[in-house]
Amino acid sequence: MSTYEDYRGELNQLLGDFAATVRRLRQRRPQYSQESLASDARLHRTEMSKIECGERDPRLSTLLILAEALDVSLDTLVEGLQAPKHRRPSPQTKRGRPRGA
């Protein structure tokens, strides 16, 4: 059974790896700032910053928007990222109570 700490650790790794990919793809274009990407993607600049800092778990719609703004396929945007093995535990499990108890 997965723990909340295992889940958070894997999620943080995934978001950090995704952030690095977005940053690398953005920096392929000279002088292409986070703000420019946010504008092209029609995302708020703080949203873009949180994605590039690995602080935001973007929704599927945001992934599609980013891929379009970066002019890459969704496959390229997520290439090399590993799906987490652990899943978010239920709220009861996070508090240390078994489910149904």
N, C-alpha and C. Protein backbone atom coordinates (compact mmCIF):
# COMPACT_ATOMS: atom_id res chain seq x y z
N MET A 1 0.85 -1.18 0.00
CA MET A 1 0.00 0.00 0.00
C MET A 1 0.89 1.24 0.00
N SER A 2 0.57 2.20 -0.83
CA SER A 2 1.38 3.40 -0.92
C SER A 2 1.07 4.34 0.24
N THR A 3 2.04 5.14 0.56
CA THR A 3 1.85 6.15 1.59
C THR A 3 1.79 7.52 0.93
N TYR A 4 1.30 8.48 1.68
CA TYR A 4 1.21 9.83 1.16
C TYR A 4 2.60 10.37 0.84
N GLU A 5 3.59 10.04 1.65
CA GLU A 5 4.96 10.51 1.40
C GLU A 5 5.51 9.94 0.10
N ASP A 6 5.22 8.65 -0.17
CA ASP A 6 5.67 8.04 -1.43
C ASP A 6 5.02 8.75 -2.61
N TYR A 7 3.73 8.98 -2.48
CA TYR A 7 2.98 9.66 -3.54
C TYR A 7 3.55 11.06 -3.79
N ARG A 8 3.73 11.83 -2.73
CA ARG A 8 4.24 13.20 -2.87
C ARG A 8 5.65 13.20 -3.47
N GLY A 9 6.48 12.27 -3.05
CA GLY A 9 7.84 12.20 -3.59
C GLY A 9 7.85 11.95 -5.08
N GLU A 10 7.05 10.99 -5.52
CA GLU A 10 6.99 10.70 -6.95
C GLU A 10 6.36 11.85 -7.73
N LEU A 11 5.33 12.46 -7.17
CA LEU A 11 4.70 13.59 -7.85
C LEU A 11 5.67 14.76 -7.97
N ASN A 12 6.41 15.04 -6.92
CA ASN A 12 7.40 16.13 -6.98
C ASN A 12 8.46 15.86 -8.03
N GLN A 13 8.90 14.61 -8.14
CA GLN A 13 9.89 14.24 -9.16
C GLN A 13 9.30 14.44 -10.56
N LEU A 14 8.08 13.98 -10.76
CA LEU A 14 7.41 14.12 -12.05
C LEU A 14 7.26 15.59 -12.43
N LEU A 15 6.79 16.41 -11.49
CA LEU A 15 6.59 17.84 -11.78
C LEU A 15 7.91 18.55 -12.04
N GLY A 16 8.95 18.16 -11.33
CA GLY A 16 10.27 18.74 -11.56
C GLY A 16 10.81 18.38 -12.94
N ASP A 17 10.63 17.13 -13.33
CA ASP A 17 11.07 16.69 -14.65
C ASP A 17 10.27 17.39 -15.76
N PHE A 18 8.97 17.52 -15.54
CA PHE A 18 8.14 18.21 -16.53
C PHE A 18 8.54 19.68 -16.64
N ALA A 19 8.79 20.30 -15.50
CA ALA A 19 9.22 21.71 -15.49
C ALA A 19 10.50 21.89 -16.30
N ALA A 20 11.44 20.97 -16.14
CA ALA A 20 12.70 21.06 -16.88
C ALA A 20 12.46 20.91 -18.38
N THR A 21 11.54 20.05 -18.76
CA THR A 21 11.22 19.87 -20.19
C THR A 21 10.60 21.13 -20.77
N VAL A 22 9.65 21.72 -20.07
CA VAL A 22 9.00 22.95 -20.55
C VAL A 22 10.04 24.05 -20.70
N ARG A 23 10.91 24.19 -19.70
CA ARG A 23 11.95 25.23 -19.73
C ARG A 23 12.88 25.00 -20.93
N ARG A 24 13.30 23.74 -21.13
CA ARG A 24 14.20 23.42 -22.24
C ARG A 24 13.54 23.73 -23.58
N LEU A 25 12.29 23.35 -23.74
CA LEU A 25 11.58 23.61 -24.99
C LEU A 25 11.39 25.11 -25.21
N ARG A 26 11.09 25.83 -24.15
CA ARG A 26 10.93 27.29 -24.27
C ARG A 26 12.24 27.95 -24.67
N GLN A 27 13.34 27.50 -24.08
CA GLN A 27 14.63 28.14 -24.31
C GLN A 27 15.25 27.80 -25.66
N ARG A 28 14.61 26.94 -26.43
CA ARG A 28 15.09 26.68 -27.80
C ARG A 28 15.02 27.95 -28.64
N ARG A 29 14.08 28.80 -28.30
CA ARG A 29 13.92 30.07 -29.02
C ARG A 29 14.62 31.16 -28.23
N PRO A 30 15.59 31.81 -28.83
CA PRO A 30 16.29 32.89 -28.12
C PRO A 30 15.33 33.99 -27.67
N GLN A 31 15.55 34.49 -26.49
CA GLN A 31 14.76 35.59 -25.94
C GLN A 31 13.28 35.25 -25.71
N TYR A 32 12.96 33.95 -25.63
CA TYR A 32 11.56 33.55 -25.40
C TYR A 32 11.39 33.35 -23.89
N SER A 33 10.79 34.33 -23.26
CA SER A 33 10.65 34.35 -21.80
C SER A 33 9.42 33.56 -21.35
N GLN A 34 9.37 33.31 -20.05
CA GLN A 34 8.17 32.70 -19.47
C GLN A 34 6.96 33.57 -19.78
N GLU A 35 7.13 34.85 -19.67
CA GLU A 35 6.02 35.77 -19.92
C GLU A 35 5.56 35.68 -21.38
N SER A 36 6.50 35.55 -22.30
CA SER A 36 6.13 35.41 -23.72
C SER A 36 5.36 34.11 -23.95
N LEU A 37 5.84 33.02 -23.35
CA LEU A 37 5.15 31.74 -23.47
C LEU A 37 3.75 31.83 -22.85
N ALA A 38 3.66 32.43 -21.68
CA ALA A 38 2.36 32.58 -21.03
C ALA A 38 1.40 33.36 -21.93
N SER A 39 1.90 34.41 -22.55
CA SER A 39 1.07 35.21 -23.44
C SER A 39 0.62 34.39 -24.65
N ASP A 40 1.54 33.68 -25.27
CA ASP A 40 1.21 32.85 -26.44
C ASP A 40 0.22 31.75 -26.09
N ALA A 41 0.36 31.20 -24.88
CA ALA A 41 -0.52 30.12 -24.44
C ALA A 41 -1.81 30.65 -23.81
N ARG A 42 -1.88 31.96 -23.63
CA ARG A 42 -3.02 32.60 -22.97
C ARG A 42 -3.22 32.03 -21.56
N LEU A 43 -2.08 31.86 -20.86
CA LEU A 43 -2.08 31.46 -19.46
C LEU A 43 -1.58 32.65 -18.65
N HIS A 44 -1.97 32.71 -17.40
CA HIS A 44 -1.46 33.78 -16.54
C HIS A 44 0.03 33.55 -16.32
N ARG A 45 0.81 34.61 -16.22
CA ARG A 45 2.26 34.47 -16.07
C ARG A 45 2.63 33.73 -14.78
N THR A 46 1.83 33.88 -13.72
CA THR A 46 2.15 33.14 -12.48
C THR A 46 1.87 31.65 -12.66
N GLU A 47 0.87 31.31 -13.44
CA GLU A 47 0.60 29.90 -13.76
C GLU A 47 1.79 29.30 -14.49
N MET A 48 2.31 30.05 -15.47
CA MET A 48 3.46 29.58 -16.24
C MET A 48 4.67 29.41 -15.33
N SER A 49 4.88 30.36 -14.45
CA SER A 49 6.00 30.29 -13.51
C SER A 49 5.89 29.06 -12.62
N LYS A 50 4.70 28.79 -12.12
CA LYS A 50 4.51 27.63 -11.24
C LYS A 50 4.72 26.32 -11.98
N ILE A 51 4.34 26.28 -13.24
CA ILE A 51 4.59 25.08 -14.04
C ILE A 51 6.09 24.88 -14.22
N GLU A 52 6.81 25.96 -14.58
CA GLU A 52 8.26 25.84 -14.79
C GLU A 52 9.05 25.65 -13.51
N CYS A 53 8.45 25.92 -12.38
CA CYS A 53 9.12 25.67 -11.08
C CYS A 53 8.71 24.33 -10.49
N GLY A 54 7.85 23.59 -11.18
CA GLY A 54 7.41 22.29 -10.68
C GLY A 54 6.44 22.40 -9.52
N GLU A 55 5.76 23.52 -9.41
CA GLU A 55 4.82 23.74 -8.31
C GLU A 55 3.37 23.52 -8.72
N ARG A 56 3.12 23.25 -9.98
CA ARG A 56 1.75 23.10 -10.47
C ARG A 56 1.65 21.80 -11.26
N ASP A 57 0.60 21.05 -10.99
CA ASP A 57 0.29 19.83 -11.73
C ASP A 57 -0.73 20.22 -12.79
N PRO A 58 -0.28 20.48 -14.03
CA PRO A 58 -1.19 21.01 -15.03
C PRO A 58 -2.23 19.98 -15.47
N ARG A 59 -3.40 20.49 -15.80
CA ARG A 59 -4.49 19.67 -16.31
C ARG A 59 -4.20 19.29 -17.76
N LEU A 60 -4.94 18.31 -18.25
CA LEU A 60 -4.77 17.87 -19.63
C LEU A 60 -4.96 19.03 -20.61
N SER A 61 -5.95 19.86 -20.38
CA SER A 61 -6.18 20.99 -21.28
C SER A 61 -4.97 21.93 -21.30
N THR A 62 -4.33 22.12 -20.15
CA THR A 62 -3.14 22.98 -20.08
C THR A 62 -1.98 22.34 -20.83
N LEU A 63 -1.84 21.02 -20.75
CA LEU A 63 -0.78 20.33 -21.50
C LEU A 63 -0.96 20.54 -22.99
N LEU A 64 -2.20 20.42 -23.46
CA LEU A 64 -2.47 20.63 -24.89
C LEU A 64 -2.18 22.06 -25.31
N ILE A 65 -2.54 23.01 -24.46
CA ILE A 65 -2.28 24.42 -24.73
C ILE A 65 -0.78 24.69 -24.80
N LEU A 66 -0.02 24.14 -23.84
CA LEU A 66 1.43 24.33 -23.82
C LEU A 66 2.09 23.71 -25.05
N ALA A 67 1.66 22.51 -25.41
CA ALA A 67 2.24 21.85 -26.58
C ALA A 67 2.02 22.71 -27.83
N GLU A 68 0.83 23.25 -27.95
CA GLU A 68 0.54 24.11 -29.11
C GLU A 68 1.39 25.38 -29.08
N ALA A 69 1.48 26.02 -27.93
CA ALA A 69 2.25 27.27 -27.82
C ALA A 69 3.74 27.02 -28.07
N LEU A 70 4.24 25.87 -27.67
CA LEU A 70 5.65 25.54 -27.87
C LEU A 70 5.90 24.91 -29.25
N ASP A 71 4.82 24.68 -29.99
CA ASP A 71 4.90 24.10 -31.33
C ASP A 71 5.55 22.72 -31.31
N VAL A 72 5.09 21.90 -30.36
CA VAL A 72 5.54 20.51 -30.25
C VAL A 72 4.32 19.62 -30.07
N SER A 73 4.52 18.33 -30.26
CA SER A 73 3.43 17.39 -30.01
C SER A 73 3.32 17.14 -28.50
N LEU A 74 2.18 16.63 -28.11
CA LEU A 74 2.00 16.27 -26.71
C LEU A 74 3.01 15.18 -26.33
N ASP A 75 3.29 14.29 -27.26
CA ASP A 75 4.30 13.25 -27.02
C ASP A 75 5.66 13.87 -26.67
N THR A 76 6.05 14.89 -27.42
CA THR A 76 7.33 15.56 -27.15
C THR A 76 7.30 16.24 -25.79
N LEU A 77 6.18 16.84 -25.44
CA LEU A 77 6.07 17.55 -24.18
C LEU A 77 6.23 16.62 -22.97
N VAL A 78 5.79 15.39 -23.09
CA VAL A 78 5.87 14.46 -21.95
C VAL A 78 6.89 13.34 -22.14
N GLU A 79 7.66 13.43 -23.21
CA GLU A 79 8.65 12.38 -23.52
C GLU A 79 9.62 12.18 -22.36
N GLY A 80 9.80 10.93 -21.98
CA GLY A 80 10.76 10.58 -20.94
C GLY A 80 10.21 10.68 -19.53
N LEU A 81 9.02 11.21 -19.35
CA LEU A 81 8.45 11.31 -18.01
C LEU A 81 7.91 9.95 -17.58
N GLN A 82 8.14 9.61 -16.34
CA GLN A 82 7.69 8.34 -15.80
C GLN A 82 6.38 8.52 -15.03
N ALA A 83 5.40 7.69 -15.33
CA ALA A 83 4.14 7.74 -14.59
C ALA A 83 4.40 7.28 -13.16
N PRO A 84 3.86 7.98 -12.19
CA PRO A 84 4.06 7.57 -10.79
C PRO A 84 3.49 6.18 -10.53
N LYS A 85 4.18 5.42 -9.72
CA LYS A 85 3.71 4.10 -9.34
C LYS A 85 2.71 4.20 -8.19
N HIS A 86 2.88 5.19 -7.34
CA HIS A 86 2.00 5.37 -6.20
C HIS A 86 0.84 6.29 -6.58
N ARG A 87 -0.29 6.04 -5.99
CA ARG A 87 -1.47 6.87 -6.24
C ARG A 87 -1.79 7.65 -4.97
N ARG A 88 -2.50 8.72 -5.16
CA ARG A 88 -2.90 9.54 -4.01
C ARG A 88 -3.75 8.70 -3.08
N PRO A 89 -3.31 8.56 -1.83
CA PRO A 89 -4.12 7.80 -0.88
C PRO A 89 -5.42 8.54 -0.56
N SER A 90 -6.41 7.78 -0.13
CA SER A 90 -7.67 8.40 0.26
C SER A 90 -7.43 9.28 1.48
N PRO A 91 -8.29 10.25 1.73
CA PRO A 91 -8.11 11.12 2.91
C PRO A 91 -8.03 10.32 4.21
N GLN A 92 -8.78 9.24 4.33
CA GLN A 92 -8.72 8.42 5.55
C GLN A 92 -7.35 7.78 5.71
N THR A 93 -6.75 7.33 4.63
CA THR A 93 -5.44 6.69 4.68
C THR A 93 -4.37 7.72 5.04
N LYS A 94 -4.50 8.94 4.51
CA LYS A 94 -3.52 9.98 4.82
C LYS A 94 -3.49 10.29 6.31
N ARG A 95 -4.64 10.18 6.95
CA ARG A 95 -4.70 10.47 8.38
C ARG A 95 -4.34 9.26 9.22
N GLY A 96 -4.01 8.14 8.55
CA GLY A 96 -3.58 6.97 9.28
C GLY A 96 -4.70 6.03 9.66
N ARG A 97 -5.93 6.32 9.22
CA ARG A 97 -7.05 5.42 9.51
C ARG A 97 -7.29 4.55 8.31
N PRO A 98 -7.45 3.27 8.52
CA PRO A 98 -7.78 2.40 7.39
C PRO A 98 -9.16 2.75 6.82
N ARG A 99 -9.30 2.54 5.56
CA ARG A 99 -10.57 2.84 4.89
C ARG A 99 -11.69 1.99 5.49
N GLY A 100 -12.83 2.61 5.75
CA GLY A 100 -13.98 1.89 6.26
C GLY A 100 -13.96 1.69 7.76
N ALA A 101 -12.93 2.19 8.45
CA ALA A 101 -12.85 1.98 9.90
C ALA A 101 -13.61 3.06 10.64
